[in-house]
């Protein structure tokens, strides 16, 4: 299974392609693609967003499902999904902690 990720051009935030070709900030609601043809079609749609200067560098990443939630397979993508490993008070992991409190 794969998801499409990129960086938002306005602020550099890591984003994922979701349903209805929306770009979201968390991998939890990312659209998942099972076939190579589906991944290629999603990347083609993502290229339109690059042309509109909304995102940069879209690419497919491998995804597994952990407890029913999408989880990046590669360590690099796990870091991109959460934020810096040396500063858990920054990035997406900090937002999740704050919102749970």
PDB file of N, CA and C in Angstrom:
ATOM      1  N   UNK A   1       0.847  -1.165   0.000  1.00  0.00           N
ATOM      2  CA  UNK A   1       0.000   0.000   0.000  1.00  0.00           C
ATOM      3  C   UNK A   1       0.901   1.240   0.000  1.00  0.00           C
ATOM      4  N   UNK A   2       0.419   2.312  -0.634  1.00  0.00           N
ATOM      5  CA  UNK A   2       1.204   3.542  -0.730  1.00  0.00           C
ATOM      6  C   UNK A   2       0.347   4.772  -0.459  1.00  0.00           C
ATOM      7  N   UNK A   3       1.002   5.838  -0.070  1.00  0.00           N
ATOM      8  CA  UNK A   3       0.388   7.158   0.067  1.00  0.00           C
ATOM      9  C   UNK A   3       1.273   8.133  -0.702  1.00  0.00           C
ATOM     10  N   UNK A   4       0.730   9.300  -1.002  1.00  0.00           N
ATOM     11  CA  UNK A   4       1.488  10.341  -1.687  1.00  0.00           C
ATOM     12  C   UNK A   4       1.778  11.444  -0.679  1.00  0.00           C
ATOM     13  N   UNK A   5       3.035  11.831  -0.580  1.00  0.00           N
ATOM     14  CA  UNK A   5       3.442  12.892   0.326  1.00  0.00           C
ATOM     15  C   UNK A   5       4.176  13.974  -0.451  1.00  0.00           C
ATOM     16  N   UNK A   6       4.250  15.152   0.144  1.00  0.00           N
ATOM     17  CA  UNK A   6       4.929  16.298  -0.466  1.00  0.00           C
ATOM     18  C   UNK A   6       5.183  17.318   0.643  1.00  0.00           C
ATOM     19  N   UNK A   7       5.699  18.456   0.263  1.00  0.00           N
ATOM     20  CA  UNK A   7       5.823  19.578   1.191  1.00  0.00           C
ATOM     21  C   UNK A   7       4.997  20.738   0.659  1.00  0.00           C
ATOM     22  N   UNK A   8       4.268  21.381   1.552  1.00  0.00           N
ATOM     23  CA  UNK A   8       3.488  22.554   1.173  1.00  0.00           C
ATOM     24  C   UNK A   8       4.446  23.698   0.911  1.00  0.00           C
ATOM     25  N   UNK A   9       4.249  24.388  -0.184  1.00  0.00           N
ATOM     26  CA  UNK A   9       5.181  25.423  -0.605  1.00  0.00           C
ATOM     27  C   UNK A   9       5.166  26.640   0.312  1.00  0.00           C
ATOM     28  N   UNK A  10       4.030  27.003   0.876  1.00  0.00           N
ATOM     29  CA  UNK A  10       3.952  28.229   1.674  1.00  0.00           C
ATOM     30  C   UNK A  10       4.742  28.163   2.972  1.00  0.00           C
ATOM     31  N   UNK A  11       4.813  26.981   3.587  1.00  0.00           N
ATOM     32  CA  UNK A  11       5.480  26.901   4.888  1.00  0.00           C
ATOM     33  C   UNK A  11       6.381  25.677   5.062  1.00  0.00           C
ATOM     34  N   UNK A  12       6.480  24.829   4.051  1.00  0.00           N
ATOM     35  CA  UNK A  12       7.343  23.652   4.133  1.00  0.00           C
ATOM     36  C   UNK A  12       6.751  22.481   4.881  1.00  0.00           C
ATOM     37  N   UNK A  13       5.531  22.608   5.379  1.00  0.00           N
ATOM     38  CA  UNK A  13       4.879  21.546   6.140  1.00  0.00           C
ATOM     39  C   UNK A  13       4.762  20.274   5.305  1.00  0.00           C
ATOM     40  N   UNK A  14       5.032  19.125   5.921  1.00  0.00           N
ATOM     41  CA  UNK A  14       4.843  17.835   5.264  1.00  0.00           C
ATOM     42  C   UNK A  14       3.338  17.597   5.145  1.00  0.00           C
ATOM     43  N   UNK A  15       2.888  17.231   3.956  1.00  0.00           N
ATOM     44  CA  UNK A  15       1.463  16.987   3.716  1.00  0.00           C
ATOM     45  C   UNK A  15       1.279  15.677   2.957  1.00  0.00           C
ATOM     46  N   UNK A  16       0.062  15.143   3.024  1.00  0.00           N
ATOM     47  CA  UNK A  16      -0.298  13.911   2.335  1.00  0.00           C
ATOM     48  C   UNK A  16      -1.553  14.147   1.520  1.00  0.00           C
ATOM     49  N   UNK A  17      -1.630  13.456   0.401  1.00  0.00           N
ATOM     50  CA  UNK A  17      -2.803  13.533  -0.449  1.00  0.00           C
ATOM     51  C   UNK A  17      -3.927  12.746   0.198  1.00  0.00           C
ATOM     52  N   UNK A  18      -5.082  13.381   0.326  1.00  0.00           N
ATOM     53  CA  UNK A  18      -6.262  12.743   0.925  1.00  0.00           C
ATOM     54  C   UNK A  18      -7.355  12.617  -0.136  1.00  0.00           C
ATOM     55  N   UNK A  19      -8.513  12.198   0.297  1.00  0.00           N
ATOM     56  CA  UNK A  19      -9.661  12.082  -0.605  1.00  0.00           C
ATOM     57  C   UNK A  19      -9.965  13.424  -1.252  1.00  0.00           C
ATOM     58  N   UNK A  20     -10.530  13.363  -2.426  1.00  0.00           N
ATOM     59  CA  UNK A  20     -10.934  14.562  -3.175  1.00  0.00           C
ATOM     60  C   UNK A  20      -9.752  15.469  -3.478  1.00  0.00           C
ATOM     61  N   UNK A  21      -8.557  14.878  -3.597  1.00  0.00           N
ATOM     62  CA  UNK A  21      -7.337  15.625  -3.941  1.00  0.00           C
ATOM     63  C   UNK A  21      -7.076  16.815  -3.021  1.00  0.00           C
ATOM     64  N   UNK A  22      -7.311  16.619  -1.747  1.00  0.00           N
ATOM     65  CA  UNK A  22      -6.976  17.630  -0.745  1.00  0.00           C
ATOM     66  C   UNK A  22      -5.643  17.247  -0.122  1.00  0.00           C
ATOM     67  N   UNK A  23      -4.888  18.234   0.334  1.00  0.00           N
ATOM     68  CA  UNK A  23      -3.613  17.998   1.009  1.00  0.00           C
ATOM     69  C   UNK A  23      -3.814  18.231   2.494  1.00  0.00           C
ATOM     70  N   UNK A  24      -3.475  17.212   3.293  1.00  0.00           N
ATOM     71  CA  UNK A  24      -3.689  17.263   4.736  1.00  0.00           C
ATOM     72  C   UNK A  24      -2.361  17.147   5.468  1.00  0.00           C
ATOM     73  N   UNK A  25      -2.339  17.549   6.740  1.00  0.00           N
ATOM     74  CA  UNK A  25      -1.098  17.591   7.516  1.00  0.00           C
ATOM     75  C   UNK A  25      -0.796  16.331   8.306  1.00  0.00           C
ATOM     76  N   UNK A  26      -1.721  15.391   8.365  1.00  0.00           N
ATOM     77  CA  UNK A  26      -1.455  14.153   9.109  1.00  0.00           C
ATOM     78  C   UNK A  26      -1.661  12.944   8.210  1.00  0.00           C
ATOM     79  N   UNK A  27      -0.863  11.935   8.418  1.00  0.00           N
ATOM     80  CA  UNK A  27      -0.927  10.734   7.599  1.00  0.00           C
ATOM     81  C   UNK A  27      -2.178   9.914   7.906  1.00  0.00           C
ATOM     82  N   UNK A  28      -2.821  10.157   9.037  1.00  0.00           N
ATOM     83  CA  UNK A  28      -3.977   9.357   9.463  1.00  0.00           C
ATOM     84  C   UNK A  28      -5.096   9.294   8.432  1.00  0.00           C
ATOM     85  N   UNK A  29      -5.338  10.368   7.714  1.00  0.00           N
ATOM     86  CA  UNK A  29      -6.438  10.397   6.739  1.00  0.00           C
ATOM     87  C   UNK A  29      -5.932  10.425   5.297  1.00  0.00           C
ATOM     88  N   UNK A  30      -4.692  10.029   5.100  1.00  0.00           N
ATOM     89  CA  UNK A  30      -4.141  10.006   3.740  1.00  0.00           C
ATOM     90  C   UNK A  30      -4.876   8.980   2.892  1.00  0.00           C
ATOM     91  N   UNK A  31      -5.048   9.292   1.624  1.00  0.00           N
ATOM     92  CA  UNK A  31      -5.603   8.317   0.685  1.00  0.00           C
ATOM     93  C   UNK A  31      -4.563   7.222   0.476  1.00  0.00           C
ATOM     94  N   UNK A  32      -5.015   5.983   0.428  1.00  0.00           N
ATOM     95  CA  UNK A  32      -4.111   4.845   0.255  1.00  0.00           C
ATOM     96  C   UNK A  32      -4.347   4.213  -1.110  1.00  0.00           C
ATOM     97  N   UNK A  33      -3.261   3.861  -1.769  1.00  0.00           N
ATOM     98  CA  UNK A  33      -3.310   3.328  -3.125  1.00  0.00           C
ATOM     99  C   UNK A  33      -2.658   1.955  -3.144  1.00  0.00           C
ATOM    100  N   UNK A  34      -3.363   0.985  -3.708  1.00  0.00           N
ATOM    101  CA  UNK A  34      -2.869  -0.392  -3.693  1.00  0.00           C
ATOM    102  C   UNK A  34      -2.146  -0.796  -4.967  1.00  0.00           C
ATOM    103  N   UNK A  35      -2.519  -0.230  -6.095  1.00  0.00           N
ATOM    104  CA  UNK A  35      -1.907  -0.670  -7.354  1.00  0.00           C
ATOM    105  C   UNK A  35      -0.940   0.382  -7.885  1.00  0.00           C
ATOM    106  N   UNK A  36      -0.020  -0.081  -8.705  1.00  0.00           N
ATOM    107  CA  UNK A  36       0.942   0.829  -9.331  1.00  0.00           C
ATOM    108  C   UNK A  36       0.221   1.854 -10.204  1.00  0.00           C
ATOM    109  N   UNK A  37      -0.820   1.436 -10.890  1.00  0.00           N
ATOM    110  CA  UNK A  37      -1.591   2.355 -11.739  1.00  0.00           C
ATOM    111  C   UNK A  37      -2.255   3.451 -10.910  1.00  0.00           C
ATOM    112  N   UNK A  38      -2.781   3.081  -9.737  1.00  0.00           N
ATOM    113  CA  UNK A  38      -3.411   4.076  -8.861  1.00  0.00           C
ATOM    114  C   UNK A  38      -2.381   5.078  -8.333  1.00  0.00           C
ATOM    115  N   UNK A  39      -1.199   4.584  -7.983  1.00  0.00           N
ATOM    116  CA  UNK A  39      -0.122   5.465  -7.503  1.00  0.00           C
ATOM    117  C   UNK A  39       0.292   6.433  -8.615  1.00  0.00           C
ATOM    118  N   UNK A  40       0.472   5.905  -9.818  1.00  0.00           N
ATOM    119  CA  UNK A  40       0.873   6.757 -10.942  1.00  0.00           C
ATOM    120  C   UNK A  40      -0.185   7.819 -11.245  1.00  0.00           C
ATOM    121  N   UNK A  41      -1.459   7.445 -11.168  1.00  0.00           N
ATOM    122  CA  UNK A  41      -2.542   8.405 -11.404  1.00  0.00           C
ATOM    123  C   UNK A  41      -2.545   9.488 -10.327  1.00  0.00           C
ATOM    124  N   UNK A  42      -2.319   9.102  -9.084  1.00  0.00           N
ATOM    125  CA  UNK A  42      -2.279  10.078  -7.986  1.00  0.00           C
ATOM    126  C   UNK A  42      -1.088  11.021  -8.147  1.00  0.00           C
ATOM    127  N   UNK A  43       0.048  10.490  -8.560  1.00  0.00           N
ATOM    128  CA  UNK A  43       1.218  11.343  -8.776  1.00  0.00           C
ATOM    129  C   UNK A  43       0.989  12.316  -9.932  1.00  0.00           C
ATOM    130  N   UNK A  44       0.258  11.875 -10.922  1.00  0.00           N
ATOM    131  CA  UNK A  44      -0.072  12.775 -12.038  1.00  0.00           C
ATOM    132  C   UNK A  44      -0.967  13.915 -11.545  1.00  0.00           C
ATOM    133  N   UNK A  45      -1.950  13.588 -10.700  1.00  0.00           N
ATOM    134  CA  UNK A  45      -2.808  14.645 -10.128  1.00  0.00           C
ATOM    135  C   UNK A  45      -1.987  15.569  -9.231  1.00  0.00           C
ATOM    136  N   UNK A  46      -1.046  15.001  -8.491  1.00  0.00           N
ATOM    137  CA  UNK A  46      -0.192  15.814  -7.617  1.00  0.00           C
ATOM    138  C   UNK A  46       0.646  16.786  -8.433  1.00  0.00           C
ATOM    139  N   UNK A  47       1.058  16.377  -9.633  1.00  0.00           N
ATOM    140  CA  UNK A  47       1.843  17.263 -10.493  1.00  0.00           C
ATOM    141  C   UNK A  47       1.070  18.536 -10.833  1.00  0.00           C
ATOM    142  N   UNK A  48      -0.254  18.430 -10.919  1.00  0.00           N
ATOM    143  CA  UNK A  48      -1.077  19.627 -11.147  1.00  0.00           C
ATOM    144  C   UNK A  48      -0.940  20.610  -9.996  1.00  0.00           C
ATOM    145  N   UNK A  49      -0.845  20.080  -8.770  1.00  0.00           N
ATOM    146  CA  UNK A  49      -0.686  20.938  -7.593  1.00  0.00           C
ATOM    147  C   UNK A  49       0.691  21.588  -7.575  1.00  0.00           C
ATOM    148  N   UNK A  50       1.686  20.886  -8.100  1.00  0.00           N
ATOM    149  CA  UNK A  50       3.027  21.478  -8.233  1.00  0.00           C
ATOM    150  C   UNK A  50       2.954  22.646  -9.211  1.00  0.00           C
ATOM    151  N   UNK A  51       2.291  22.433 -10.340  1.00  0.00           N
ATOM    152  CA  UNK A  51       2.145  23.494 -11.338  1.00  0.00           C
ATOM    153  C   UNK A  51       1.427  24.709 -10.771  1.00  0.00           C
ATOM    154  N   UNK A  52       0.498  24.468  -9.821  1.00  0.00           N
ATOM    155  CA  UNK A  52      -0.238  25.578  -9.189  1.00  0.00           C
ATOM    156  C   UNK A  52       0.539  26.194  -8.025  1.00  0.00           C
ATOM    157  N   UNK A  53       1.728  25.662  -7.772  1.00  0.00           N
ATOM    158  CA  UNK A  53       2.610  26.153  -6.709  1.00  0.00           C
ATOM    159  C   UNK A  53       1.996  26.036  -5.299  1.00  0.00           C
ATOM    160  N   UNK A  54       1.351  24.896  -5.078  1.00  0.00           N
ATOM    161  CA  UNK A  54       0.787  24.590  -3.763  1.00  0.00           C
ATOM    162  C   UNK A  54       1.716  23.661  -2.995  1.00  0.00           C
ATOM    163  N   UNK A  55       2.285  22.681  -3.696  1.00  0.00           N
ATOM    164  CA  UNK A  55       3.197  21.710  -3.081  1.00  0.00           C
ATOM    165  C   UNK A  55       4.462  21.594  -3.920  1.00  0.00           C
ATOM    166  N   UNK A  56       5.481  20.964  -3.315  1.00  0.00           N
ATOM    167  CA  UNK A  56       6.709  20.639  -4.041  1.00  0.00           C
ATOM    168  C   UNK A  56       7.079  19.188  -3.748  1.00  0.00           C
ATOM    169  N   UNK A  57       7.754  18.563  -4.707  1.00  0.00           N
ATOM    170  CA  UNK A  57       8.353  17.239  -4.563  1.00  0.00           C
ATOM    171  C   UNK A  57       7.389  16.135  -4.098  1.00  0.00           C
ATOM    172  N   UNK A  58       6.264  15.921  -4.780  1.00  0.00           N
ATOM    173  CA  UNK A  58       5.399  14.808  -4.379  1.00  0.00           C
ATOM    174  C   UNK A  58       6.015  13.463  -4.756  1.00  0.00           C
ATOM    175  N   UNK A  59       5.849  12.473  -3.899  1.00  0.00           N
ATOM    176  CA  UNK A  59       6.325  11.124  -4.195  1.00  0.00           C
ATOM    177  C   UNK A  59       5.529  10.115  -3.368  1.00  0.00           C
ATOM    178  N   UNK A  60       5.584   8.874  -3.792  1.00  0.00           N
ATOM    179  CA  UNK A  60       4.864   7.795  -3.114  1.00  0.00           C
ATOM    180  C   UNK A  60       5.725   7.211  -2.003  1.00  0.00           C
ATOM    181  N   UNK A  61       5.066   6.857  -0.905  1.00  0.00           N
ATOM    182  CA  UNK A  61       5.752   6.178   0.198  1.00  0.00           C
ATOM    183  C   UNK A  61       5.003   4.895   0.538  1.00  0.00           C
ATOM    184  N   UNK A  62       5.744   3.917   1.020  1.00  0.00           N
ATOM    185  CA  UNK A  62       5.142   2.663   1.467  1.00  0.00           C
ATOM    186  C   UNK A  62       4.443   2.885   2.800  1.00  0.00           C
ATOM    187  N   UNK A  63       3.259   2.304   2.911  1.00  0.00           N
ATOM    188  CA  UNK A  63       2.431   2.448   4.112  1.00  0.00           C
ATOM    189  C   UNK A  63       2.018   1.058   4.593  1.00  0.00           C
ATOM    190  N   UNK A  64       2.036   0.859   5.902  1.00  0.00           N
ATOM    191  CA  UNK A  64       1.425  -0.330   6.499  1.00  0.00           C
ATOM    192  C   UNK A  64       0.290   0.171   7.387  1.00  0.00           C
ATOM    193  N   UNK A  65      -0.542  -0.726   7.828  1.00  0.00           N
ATOM    194  CA  UNK A  65      -1.595  -0.304   8.756  1.00  0.00           C
ATOM    195  C   UNK A  65      -1.309  -0.904  10.125  1.00  0.00           C
ATOM    196  N   UNK A  66      -1.178  -0.027  11.097  1.00  0.00           N
ATOM    197  CA  UNK A  66      -0.930  -0.429  12.478  1.00  0.00           C
ATOM    198  C   UNK A  66      -2.177  -0.102  13.282  1.00  0.00           C
ATOM    199  N   UNK A  67      -2.834  -1.110  13.828  1.00  0.00           N
ATOM    200  CA  UNK A  67      -4.069  -0.922  14.582  1.00  0.00           C
ATOM    201  C   UNK A  67      -5.107  -0.154  13.767  1.00  0.00           C
ATOM    202  N   UNK A  68      -5.158  -0.464  12.466  1.00  0.00           N
ATOM    203  CA  UNK A  68      -6.131   0.171  11.598  1.00  0.00           C
ATOM    204  C   UNK A  68      -5.774   1.567  11.127  1.00  0.00           C
ATOM    205  N   UNK A  69      -4.601   2.055  11.514  1.00  0.00           N
ATOM    206  CA  UNK A  69      -4.164   3.394  11.112  1.00  0.00           C
ATOM    207  C   UNK A  69      -2.986   3.280  10.164  1.00  0.00           C
ATOM    208  N   UNK A  70      -2.931   4.171   9.147  1.00  0.00           N
ATOM    209  CA  UNK A  70      -1.781   4.136   8.246  1.00  0.00           C
ATOM    210  C   UNK A  70      -0.505   4.563   8.957  1.00  0.00           C
ATOM    211  N   UNK A  71       0.568   3.866   8.665  1.00  0.00           N
ATOM    212  CA  UNK A  71       1.857   4.144   9.296  1.00  0.00           C
ATOM    213  C   UNK A  71       2.941   4.033   8.230  1.00  0.00           C
ATOM    214  N   UNK A  72       3.762   5.070   8.054  1.00  0.00           N
ATOM    215  CA  UNK A  72       4.870   4.960   7.096  1.00  0.00           C
ATOM    216  C   UNK A  72       5.783   3.794   7.466  1.00  0.00           C
ATOM    217  N   UNK A  73       6.297   3.103   6.463  1.00  0.00           N
ATOM    218  CA  UNK A  73       7.160   1.943   6.683  1.00  0.00           C
ATOM    219  C   UNK A  73       8.592   2.385   6.982  1.00  0.00           C
ATOM    220  N   UNK A  74       9.136   3.282   6.176  1.00  0.00           N
ATOM    221  CA  UNK A  74      10.532   3.695   6.335  1.00  0.00           C
ATOM    222  C   UNK A  74      10.690   4.678   7.496  1.00  0.00           C
ATOM    223  N   UNK A  75      11.808   4.568   8.191  1.00  0.00           N
ATOM    224  CA  UNK A  75      12.087   5.436   9.328  1.00  0.00           C
ATOM    225  C   UNK A  75      12.078   6.911   8.937  1.00  0.00           C
ATOM    226  N   UNK A  76      12.651   7.238   7.787  1.00  0.00           N
ATOM    227  CA  UNK A  76      12.674   8.628   7.309  1.00  0.00           C
ATOM    228  C   UNK A  76      11.262   9.187   7.210  1.00  0.00           C
ATOM    229  N   UNK A  77      10.348   8.395   6.707  1.00  0.00           N
ATOM    230  CA  UNK A  77       8.966   8.861   6.542  1.00  0.00           C
ATOM    231  C   UNK A  77       8.235   8.943   7.874  1.00  0.00           C
ATOM    232  N   UNK A  78       8.619   8.094   8.823  1.00  0.00           N
ATOM    233  CA  UNK A  78       8.045   8.198  10.168  1.00  0.00           C
ATOM    234  C   UNK A  78       8.440   9.529  10.801  1.00  0.00           C
ATOM    235  N   UNK A  79       9.696   9.924  10.604  1.00  0.00           N
ATOM    236  CA  UNK A  79      10.160  11.214  11.123  1.00  0.00           C
ATOM    237  C   UNK A  79       9.398  12.357  10.448  1.00  0.00           C
ATOM    238  N   UNK A  80       9.248  12.284   9.134  1.00  0.00           N
ATOM    239  CA  UNK A  80       8.515  13.333   8.415  1.00  0.00           C
ATOM    240  C   UNK A  80       7.072  13.415   8.911  1.00  0.00           C
ATOM    241  N   UNK A  81       6.496  12.274   9.303  1.00  0.00           N
ATOM    242  CA  UNK A  81       5.115  12.245   9.767  1.00  0.00           C
ATOM    243  C   UNK A  81       4.956  12.864  11.147  1.00  0.00           C
ATOM    244  N   UNK A  82       5.999  12.823  11.966  1.00  0.00           N
ATOM    245  CA  UNK A  82       5.890  13.295  13.344  1.00  0.00           C
ATOM    246  C   UNK A  82       6.660  14.568  13.644  1.00  0.00           C
ATOM    247  N   UNK A  83       7.841  14.713  13.096  1.00  0.00           N
ATOM    248  CA  UNK A  83       8.658  15.878  13.396  1.00  0.00           C
ATOM    249  C   UNK A  83      10.032  15.462  13.871  1.00  0.00           C
ATOM    250  N   UNK A  84      10.834  16.406  14.307  1.00  0.00           N
ATOM    251  CA  UNK A  84      12.224  16.110  14.666  1.00  0.00           C
ATOM    252  C   UNK A  84      12.325  15.131  15.831  1.00  0.00           C
ATOM    253  N   UNK A  85      13.289  14.206  15.717  1.00  0.00           N
ATOM    254  CA  UNK A  85      13.439  13.185  16.755  1.00  0.00           C
ATOM    255  C   UNK A  85      14.132  13.723  18.008  1.00  0.00           C
ATOM    256  N   UNK A  86      14.888  14.791  17.887  1.00  0.00           N
ATOM    257  CA  UNK A  86      15.611  15.318  19.049  1.00  0.00           C
ATOM    258  C   UNK A  86      14.810  16.358  19.813  1.00  0.00           C
ATOM    259  N   UNK A  87      13.669  16.788  19.260  1.00  0.00           N
ATOM    260  CA  UNK A  87      12.840  17.804  19.911  1.00  0.00           C
ATOM    261  C   UNK A  87      11.368  17.394  19.848  1.00  0.00           C
ATOM    262  N   UNK A  88      10.934  16.508  20.736  1.00  0.00           N
ATOM    263  CA  UNK A  88       9.532  16.082  20.702  1.00  0.00           C
ATOM    264  C   UNK A  88       8.543  17.207  21.033  1.00  0.00           C
ATOM    265  N   UNK A  89       9.059  18.347  21.468  1.00  0.00           N
ATOM    266  CA  UNK A  89       8.191  19.493  21.737  1.00  0.00           C
ATOM    267  C   UNK A  89       7.884  20.277  20.460  1.00  0.00           C
ATOM    268  N   UNK A  90       8.469  19.851  19.332  1.00  0.00           N
ATOM    269  CA  UNK A  90       8.225  20.499  18.053  1.00  0.00           C
ATOM    270  C   UNK A  90       7.577  19.512  17.086  1.00  0.00           C
ATOM    271  N   UNK A  91       7.014  20.022  16.028  1.00  0.00           N
ATOM    272  CA  UNK A  91       6.467  19.166  14.981  1.00  0.00           C
ATOM    273  C   UNK A  91       5.102  18.609  15.315  1.00  0.00           C
ATOM    274  N   UNK A  92       4.689  17.654  14.531  1.00  0.00           N
ATOM    275  CA  UNK A  92       3.360  17.077  14.657  1.00  0.00           C
ATOM    276  C   UNK A  92       3.175  16.327  15.980  1.00  0.00           C
ATOM    277  N   UNK A  93       4.248  15.705  16.485  1.00  0.00           N
ATOM    278  CA  UNK A  93       4.104  14.986  17.753  1.00  0.00           C
ATOM    279  C   UNK A  93       3.782  15.932  18.890  1.00  0.00           C
ATOM    280  N   UNK A  94       4.271  17.159  18.847  1.00  0.00           N
ATOM    281  CA  UNK A  94       3.965  18.145  19.888  1.00  0.00           C
ATOM    282  C   UNK A  94       2.502  18.561  19.799  1.00  0.00           C
ATOM    283  N   UNK A  95       1.998  18.717  18.606  1.00  0.00           N
ATOM    284  CA  UNK A  95       0.574  19.081  18.438  1.00  0.00           C
ATOM    285  C   UNK A  95      -0.333  17.995  18.968  1.00  0.00           C
ATOM    286  N   UNK A  96       0.013  16.746  18.719  1.00  0.00           N
ATOM    287  CA  UNK A  96      -0.814  15.638  19.200  1.00  0.00           C
ATOM    288  C   UNK A  96      -0.836  15.624  20.722  1.00  0.00           C
ATOM    289  N   UNK A  97       0.306  15.884  21.357  1.00  0.00           N
ATOM    290  CA  UNK A  97       0.376  15.899  22.817  1.00  0.00           C
ATOM    291  C   UNK A  97      -0.466  17.037  23.379  1.00  0.00           C
ATOM    292  N   UNK A  98      -0.345  18.208  22.785  1.00  0.00           N
ATOM    293  CA  UNK A  98      -1.103  19.357  23.264  1.00  0.00           C
ATOM    294  C   UNK A  98      -2.600  19.162  23.090  1.00  0.00           C
ATOM    295  N   UNK A  99      -3.010  18.574  21.970  1.00  0.00           N
ATOM    296  CA  UNK A  99      -4.445  18.419  21.735  1.00  0.00           C
ATOM    297  C   UNK A  99      -5.048  17.346  22.642  1.00  0.00           C
ATOM    298  N   UNK A 100      -4.228  16.401  23.110  1.00  0.00           N
ATOM    299  CA  UNK A 100      -4.735  15.360  23.991  1.00  0.00           C
ATOM    300  C   UNK A 100      -4.898  15.849  25.412  1.00  0.00           C
ATOM    301  N   UNK A 101      -4.220  16.933  25.750  1.00  0.00           N
ATOM    302  CA  UNK A 101      -4.283  17.431  27.135  1.00  0.00           C
ATOM    303  C   UNK A 101      -5.541  18.184  27.424  1.00  0.00           C
TER     304      UNK A 101
END
